[in-house]
PDB file of N, CA and C in Angstrom:
ATOM      1  N   MET A   1      41.172  26.890 -17.005  1.00  0.00           N
ATOM      2  CA  MET A   1      42.001  26.104 -17.898  1.00  0.00           C
ATOM      3  C   MET A   1      43.467  26.514 -17.718  1.00  0.00           C
ATOM      4  N   ALA A   2      44.321  25.515 -17.641  1.00  0.00           N
ATOM      5  CA  ALA A   2      45.750  25.767 -17.423  1.00  0.00           C
ATOM      6  C   ALA A   2      46.414  26.272 -18.697  1.00  0.00           C
ATOM      7  N   THR A   3      47.309  27.219 -18.521  1.00  0.00           N
ATOM      8  CA  THR A   3      48.102  27.715 -19.636  1.00  0.00           C
ATOM      9  C   THR A   3      49.287  26.791 -19.815  1.00  0.00           C
ATOM     10  N   ILE A   4      49.478  26.311 -21.027  1.00  0.00           N
ATOM     11  CA  ILE A   4      50.628  25.467 -21.347  1.00  0.00           C
ATOM     12  C   ILE A   4      51.372  26.123 -22.503  1.00  0.00           C
ATOM     13  N   LYS A   5      52.645  26.389 -22.285  1.00  0.00           N
ATOM     14  CA  LYS A   5      53.466  26.989 -23.336  1.00  0.00           C
ATOM     15  C   LYS A   5      54.288  25.888 -23.981  1.00  0.00           C
ATOM     16  N   GLU A   6      54.554  26.034 -25.288  1.00  0.00           N
ATOM     17  CA  GLU A   6      55.297  25.020 -26.030  1.00  0.00           C
ATOM     18  C   GLU A   6      56.504  25.621 -26.727  1.00  0.00           C
ATOM     19  N   TYR A   7      57.576  24.839 -26.737  1.00  0.00           N
ATOM     20  CA  TYR A   7      58.838  25.226 -27.377  1.00  0.00           C
ATOM     21  C   TYR A   7      59.299  24.016 -28.177  1.00  0.00           C
ATOM     22  N   ARG A   8      59.595  24.206 -29.459  1.00  0.00           N
ATOM     23  CA  ARG A   8      59.856  23.081 -30.352  1.00  0.00           C
ATOM     24  C   ARG A   8      61.309  23.003 -30.809  1.00  0.00           C
ATOM     25  N   LYS A   9      61.798  21.759 -30.892  1.00  0.00           N
ATOM     26  CA  LYS A   9      63.104  21.460 -31.487  1.00  0.00           C
ATOM     27  C   LYS A   9      62.932  20.179 -32.300  1.00  0.00           C
ATOM     28  N   ASP A  10      63.024  20.292 -33.600  1.00  0.00           N
ATOM     29  CA  ASP A  10      62.868  19.140 -34.495  1.00  0.00           C
ATOM     30  C   ASP A  10      61.583  18.387 -34.151  1.00  0.00           C
ATOM     31  N   ASN A  11      61.702  17.116 -33.736  1.00  0.00           N
ATOM     32  CA  ASN A  11      60.499  16.332 -33.441  1.00  0.00           C
ATOM     33  C   ASN A  11      60.174  16.311 -31.944  1.00  0.00           C
ATOM     34  N   LEU A  12      60.796  17.206 -31.169  1.00  0.00           N
ATOM     35  CA  LEU A  12      60.569  17.282 -29.732  1.00  0.00           C
ATOM     36  C   LEU A  12      59.890  18.614 -29.395  1.00  0.00           C
ATOM     37  N   THR A  13      58.794  18.545 -28.676  1.00  0.00           N
ATOM     38  CA  THR A  13      58.110  19.746 -28.203  1.00  0.00           C
ATOM     39  C   THR A  13      58.168  19.748 -26.682  1.00  0.00           C
ATOM     40  N   ILE A  14      58.757  20.779 -26.113  1.00  0.00           N
ATOM     41  CA  ILE A  14      58.810  20.955 -24.665  1.00  0.00           C
ATOM     42  C   ILE A  14      57.558  21.701 -24.252  1.00  0.00           C
ATOM     43  N   THR A  15      56.903  21.211 -23.216  1.00  0.00           N
ATOM     44  CA  THR A  15      55.734  21.895 -22.676  1.00  0.00           C
ATOM     45  C   THR A  15      56.080  22.427 -21.286  1.00  0.00           C
ATOM     46  N   TRP A  16      55.511  23.579 -20.960  1.00  0.00           N
ATOM     47  CA  TRP A  16      55.734  24.180 -19.646  1.00  0.00           C
ATOM     48  C   TRP A  16      54.420  24.735 -19.134  1.00  0.00           C
ATOM     49  N   GLU A  17      54.049  24.325 -17.915  1.00  0.00           N
ATOM     50  CA  GLU A  17      52.850  24.820 -17.251  1.00  0.00           C
ATOM     51  C   GLU A  17      53.282  25.755 -16.120  1.00  0.00           C
ATOM     52  N   PRO A  18      53.255  27.066 -16.363  1.00  0.00           N
ATOM     53  CA  PRO A  18      53.742  28.022 -15.368  1.00  0.00           C
ATOM     54  C   PRO A  18      53.109  27.877 -13.983  1.00  0.00           C
ATOM     55  N   LYS A  19      51.814  27.558 -13.913  1.00  0.00           N
ATOM     56  CA  LYS A  19      51.143  27.471 -12.604  1.00  0.00           C
ATOM     57  C   LYS A  19      51.624  26.280 -11.788  1.00  0.00           C
ATOM     58  N   LYS A  20      52.170  25.255 -12.437  1.00  0.00           N
ATOM     59  CA  LYS A  20      52.697  24.091 -11.723  1.00  0.00           C
ATOM     60  C   LYS A  20      54.127  24.308 -11.246  1.00  0.00           C
ATOM     61  N   CYS A  21      54.825  25.235 -11.857  1.00  0.00           N
ATOM     62  CA  CYS A  21      56.249  25.434 -11.608  1.00  0.00           C
ATOM     63  C   CYS A  21      56.502  25.898 -10.175  1.00  0.00           C
ATOM     64  N   ILE A  22      57.422  25.207  -9.468  1.00  0.00           N
ATOM     65  CA  ILE A  22      57.782  25.601  -8.106  1.00  0.00           C
ATOM     66  C   ILE A  22      59.132  26.320  -8.074  1.00  0.00           C
ATOM     67  N   HIS A  23      59.693  26.579  -9.244  1.00  0.00           N
ATOM     68  CA  HIS A  23      60.941  27.321  -9.396  1.00  0.00           C
ATOM     69  C   HIS A  23      62.092  26.709  -8.601  1.00  0.00           C
ATOM     70  N   ALA A  24      62.181  25.375  -8.650  1.00  0.00           N
ATOM     71  CA  ALA A  24      63.270  24.663  -7.970  1.00  0.00           C
ATOM     72  C   ALA A  24      64.611  24.977  -8.621  1.00  0.00           C
ATOM     73  N   GLY A  25      64.585  25.326  -9.903  1.00  0.00           N
ATOM     74  CA  GLY A  25      65.805  25.720 -10.601  1.00  0.00           C
ATOM     75  C   GLY A  25      66.631  24.571 -11.138  1.00  0.00           C
ATOM     76  N   ILE A  26      66.136  23.354 -11.032  1.00  0.00           N
ATOM     77  CA  ILE A  26      66.892  22.205 -11.534  1.00  0.00           C
ATOM     78  C   ILE A  26      67.117  22.322 -13.040  1.00  0.00           C
ATOM     79  N   CYS A  27      66.134  22.796 -13.759  1.00  0.00           N
ATOM     80  CA  CYS A  27      66.273  22.937 -15.209  1.00  0.00           C
ATOM     81  C   CYS A  27      67.394  23.923 -15.545  1.00  0.00           C
ATOM     82  N   VAL A  28      67.404  25.055 -14.870  1.00  0.00           N
ATOM     83  CA  VAL A  28      68.410  26.090 -15.128  1.00  0.00           C
ATOM     84  C   VAL A  28      69.805  25.604 -14.746  1.00  0.00           C
ATOM     85  N   LYS A  29      69.911  24.907 -13.623  1.00  0.00           N
ATOM     86  CA  LYS A  29      71.214  24.398 -13.174  1.00  0.00           C
ATOM     87  C   LYS A  29      71.732  23.292 -14.081  1.00  0.00           C
ATOM     88  N   THR A  30      70.829  22.450 -14.582  1.00  0.00           N
ATOM     89  CA  THR A  30      71.227  21.314 -15.408  1.00  0.00           C
ATOM     90  C   THR A  30      71.573  21.734 -16.830  1.00  0.00           C
ATOM     91  N   LEU A  31      70.736  22.554 -17.439  1.00  0.00           N
ATOM     92  CA  LEU A  31      70.929  22.979 -18.836  1.00  0.00           C
ATOM     93  C   LEU A  31      70.777  24.502 -18.948  1.00  0.00           C
ATOM     94  N   PRO A  32      71.759  25.258 -18.449  1.00  0.00           N
ATOM     95  CA  PRO A  32      71.622  26.722 -18.458  1.00  0.00           C
ATOM     96  C   PRO A  32      71.563  27.339 -19.854  1.00  0.00           C
ATOM     97  N   LYS A  33      72.064  26.647 -20.869  1.00  0.00           N
ATOM     98  CA  LYS A  33      71.976  27.197 -22.231  1.00  0.00           C
ATOM     99  C   LYS A  33      70.582  27.009 -22.820  1.00  0.00           C
ATOM    100  N   VAL A  34      69.820  26.082 -22.267  1.00  0.00           N
ATOM    101  CA  VAL A  34      68.450  25.834 -22.732  1.00  0.00           C
ATOM    102  C   VAL A  34      67.449  26.665 -21.928  1.00  0.00           C
ATOM    103  N   TYR A  35      67.642  26.703 -20.609  1.00  0.00           N
ATOM    104  CA  TYR A  35      66.699  27.381 -19.713  1.00  0.00           C
ATOM    105  C   TYR A  35      67.345  28.642 -19.148  1.00  0.00           C
ATOM    106  N   ASN A  36      66.881  29.786 -19.618  1.00  0.00           N
ATOM    107  CA  ASN A  36      67.407  31.066 -19.166  1.00  0.00           C
ATOM    108  C   ASN A  36      66.222  31.932 -18.752  1.00  0.00           C
ATOM    109  N   PRO A  37      65.942  32.015 -17.427  1.00  0.00           N
ATOM    110  CA  PRO A  37      64.769  32.754 -16.981  1.00  0.00           C
ATOM    111  C   PRO A  37      64.767  34.236 -17.372  1.00  0.00           C
ATOM    112  N   LYS A  38      65.920  34.787 -17.716  1.00  0.00           N
ATOM    113  CA  LYS A  38      65.983  36.195 -18.134  1.00  0.00           C
ATOM    114  C   LYS A  38      65.852  36.354 -19.646  1.00  0.00           C
ATOM    115  N   GLY A  39      65.852  35.231 -20.369  1.00  0.00           N
ATOM    116  CA  GLY A  39      65.764  35.277 -21.826  1.00  0.00           C
ATOM    117  C   GLY A  39      64.329  35.334 -22.318  1.00  0.00           C
ATOM    118  N   SER A  40      64.198  35.647 -23.580  1.00  0.00           N
ATOM    119  CA  SER A  40      62.884  35.649 -24.216  1.00  0.00           C
ATOM    120  C   SER A  40      63.025  35.079 -25.619  1.00  0.00           C
ATOM    121  N   PRO A  41      62.542  33.876 -25.856  1.00  0.00           N
ATOM    122  CA  PRO A  41      61.866  33.007 -24.907  1.00  0.00           C
ATOM    123  C   PRO A  41      62.854  32.430 -23.886  1.00  0.00           C
ATOM    124  N   TRP A  42      62.342  32.001 -22.766  1.00  0.00           N
ATOM    125  CA  TRP A  42      63.243  31.526 -21.714  1.00  0.00           C
ATOM    126  C   TRP A  42      63.699  30.090 -21.946  1.00  0.00           C
ATOM    127  N   ILE A  43      63.009  29.347 -22.808  1.00  0.00           N
ATOM    128  CA  ILE A  43      63.424  27.990 -23.172  1.00  0.00           C
ATOM    129  C   ILE A  43      63.860  28.001 -24.631  1.00  0.00           C
ATOM    130  N   THR A  44      65.115  27.635 -24.866  1.00  0.00           N
ATOM    131  CA  THR A  44      65.656  27.565 -26.226  1.00  0.00           C
ATOM    132  C   THR A  44      66.237  26.161 -26.437  1.00  0.00           C
ATOM    133  N   PRO A  45      65.398  25.225 -26.851  1.00  0.00           N
ATOM    134  CA  PRO A  45      65.808  23.831 -26.946  1.00  0.00           C
ATOM    135  C   PRO A  45      66.886  23.540 -27.990  1.00  0.00           C
ATOM    136  N   GLU A  46      67.122  24.467 -28.889  1.00  0.00           N
ATOM    137  CA  GLU A  46      68.144  24.234 -29.917  1.00  0.00           C
ATOM    138  C   GLU A  46      69.557  24.208 -29.332  1.00  0.00           C
ATOM    139  N   HIS A  47      69.719  24.532 -28.058  1.00  0.00           N
ATOM    140  CA  HIS A  47      71.041  24.597 -27.440  1.00  0.00           C
ATOM    141  C   HIS A  47      71.474  23.317 -26.735  1.00  0.00           C
ATOM    142  N   ALA A  48      70.739  22.209 -26.933  1.00  0.00           N
ATOM    143  CA  ALA A  48      71.134  20.942 -26.315  1.00  0.00           C
ATOM    144  C   ALA A  48      70.543  19.782 -27.113  1.00  0.00           C
ATOM    145  N   PRO A  49      71.166  18.622 -27.018  1.00  0.00           N
ATOM    146  CA  PRO A  49      70.610  17.434 -27.678  1.00  0.00           C
ATOM    147  C   PRO A  49      69.256  17.060 -27.063  1.00  0.00           C
ATOM    148  N   ALA A  50      68.392  16.498 -27.878  1.00  0.00           N
ATOM    149  CA  ALA A  50      67.047  16.138 -27.420  1.00  0.00           C
ATOM    150  C   ALA A  50      67.091  15.199 -26.220  1.00  0.00           C
ATOM    151  N   GLN A  51      68.000  14.239 -26.215  1.00  0.00           N
ATOM    152  CA  GLN A  51      68.045  13.290 -25.097  1.00  0.00           C
ATOM    153  C   GLN A  51      68.415  13.991 -23.789  1.00  0.00           C
ATOM    154  N   ALA A  52      69.320  14.952 -23.831  1.00  0.00           N
ATOM    155  CA  ALA A  52      69.688  15.705 -22.622  1.00  0.00           C
ATOM    156  C   ALA A  52      68.482  16.487 -22.097  1.00  0.00           C
ATOM    157  N   ILE A  53      67.697  17.040 -23.001  1.00  0.00           N
ATOM    158  CA  ILE A  53      66.499  17.783 -22.603  1.00  0.00           C
ATOM    159  C   ILE A  53      65.478  16.840 -21.977  1.00  0.00           C
ATOM    160  N   LYS A  54      65.258  15.691 -22.586  1.00  0.00           N
ATOM    161  CA  LYS A  54      64.300  14.726 -22.038  1.00  0.00           C
ATOM    162  C   LYS A  54      64.739  14.256 -20.657  1.00  0.00           C
ATOM    163  N   ASP A  55      66.024  13.973 -20.490  1.00  0.00           N
ATOM    164  CA  ASP A  55      66.533  13.545 -19.181  1.00  0.00           C
ATOM    165  C   ASP A  55      66.297  14.619 -18.130  1.00  0.00           C
ATOM    166  N   GLN A  56      66.549  15.868 -18.492  1.00  0.00           N
ATOM    167  CA  GLN A  56      66.346  16.968 -17.552  1.00  0.00           C
ATOM    168  C   GLN A  56      64.866  17.109 -17.214  1.00  0.00           C
ATOM    169  N   ILE A  57      63.994  17.034 -18.200  1.00  0.00           N
ATOM    170  CA  ILE A  57      62.556  17.164 -17.967  1.00  0.00           C
ATOM    171  C   ILE A  57      62.063  16.056 -17.040  1.00  0.00           C
ATOM    172  N   ASN A  58      62.595  14.861 -17.201  1.00  0.00           N
ATOM    173  CA  ASN A  58      62.201  13.754 -16.329  1.00  0.00           C
ATOM    174  C   ASN A  58      62.600  13.992 -14.876  1.00  0.00           C
ATOM    175  N   ALA A  59      63.544  14.899 -14.634  1.00  0.00           N
ATOM    176  CA  ALA A  59      63.985  15.227 -13.274  1.00  0.00           C
ATOM    177  C   ALA A  59      63.231  16.416 -12.675  1.00  0.00           C
ATOM    178  N   CYS A  60      62.314  17.011 -13.412  1.00  0.00           N
ATOM    179  CA  CYS A  60      61.566  18.180 -12.928  1.00  0.00           C
ATOM    180  C   CYS A  60      60.679  17.764 -11.746  1.00  0.00           C
ATOM    181  N   PRO A  61      60.917  18.340 -10.560  1.00  0.00           N
ATOM    182  CA  PRO A  61      60.180  17.901  -9.369  1.00  0.00           C
ATOM    183  C   PRO A  61      58.691  18.265  -9.354  1.00  0.00           C
ATOM    184  N   SER A  62      58.302  19.299 -10.066  1.00  0.00           N
ATOM    185  CA  SER A  62      56.899  19.741 -10.026  1.00  0.00           C
ATOM    186  C   SER A  62      56.055  19.154 -11.146  1.00  0.00           C
ATOM    187  N   GLY A  63      56.701  18.647 -12.191  1.00  0.00           N
ATOM    188  CA  GLY A  63      55.960  18.183 -13.350  1.00  0.00           C
ATOM    189  C   GLY A  63      55.517  19.324 -14.253  1.00  0.00           C
ATOM    190  N   ALA A  64      56.043  20.510 -14.030  1.00  0.00           N
ATOM    191  CA  ALA A  64      55.679  21.659 -14.858  1.00  0.00           C
ATOM    192  C   ALA A  64      56.242  21.526 -16.266  1.00  0.00           C
ATOM    193  N   LEU A  65      57.372  20.859 -16.393  1.00  0.00           N
ATOM    194  CA  LEU A  65      57.969  20.632 -17.706  1.00  0.00           C
ATOM    195  C   LEU A  65      57.581  19.242 -18.196  1.00  0.00           C
ATOM    196  N   GLY A  66      57.320  19.170 -19.484  1.00  0.00           N
ATOM    197  CA  GLY A  66      57.005  17.888 -20.113  1.00  0.00           C
ATOM    198  C   GLY A  66      57.480  17.928 -21.545  1.00  0.00           C
ATOM    199  N   TYR A  67      57.289  16.833 -22.249  1.00  0.00           N
ATOM    200  CA  TYR A  67      57.664  16.828 -23.672  1.00  0.00           C
ATOM    201  C   TYR A  67      56.783  15.876 -24.433  1.00  0.00           C
ATOM    202  N   LYS A  68      56.686  16.165 -25.734  1.00  0.00           N
ATOM    203  CA  LYS A  68      55.957  15.328 -26.678  1.00  0.00           C
ATOM    204  C   LYS A  68      56.895  15.095 -27.851  1.00  0.00           C
ATOM    205  N   GLU A  69      56.862  13.896 -28.385  1.00  0.00           N
ATOM    206  CA  GLU A  69      57.656  13.597 -29.569  1.00  0.00           C
ATOM    207  C   GLU A  69      56.715  13.374 -30.750  1.00  0.00           C
ATOM    208  N   SER A  70      57.124  13.877 -31.903  1.00  0.00           N
ATOM    209  CA  SER A  70      56.283  13.696 -33.101  1.00  0.00           C
ATOM    210  C   SER A  70      57.102  13.180 -34.246  1.00  0.00           C
TER     211      SER A  70
END
């Protein structure tokens, strides 16, 4: 079973599947205040608008990042 980690901001939940991640770095380059591989947690969605996060996730080449809206 795949491990999926979740990070929440208001009605947006970011999902990350570490085993799918190819570490292309697009997330870090696009939104460095949200994605900090040296941070804990490494995803802090409160540092960007939800639409910017969704746009960045849609550009993830591996599909390791996703989102759910509630």
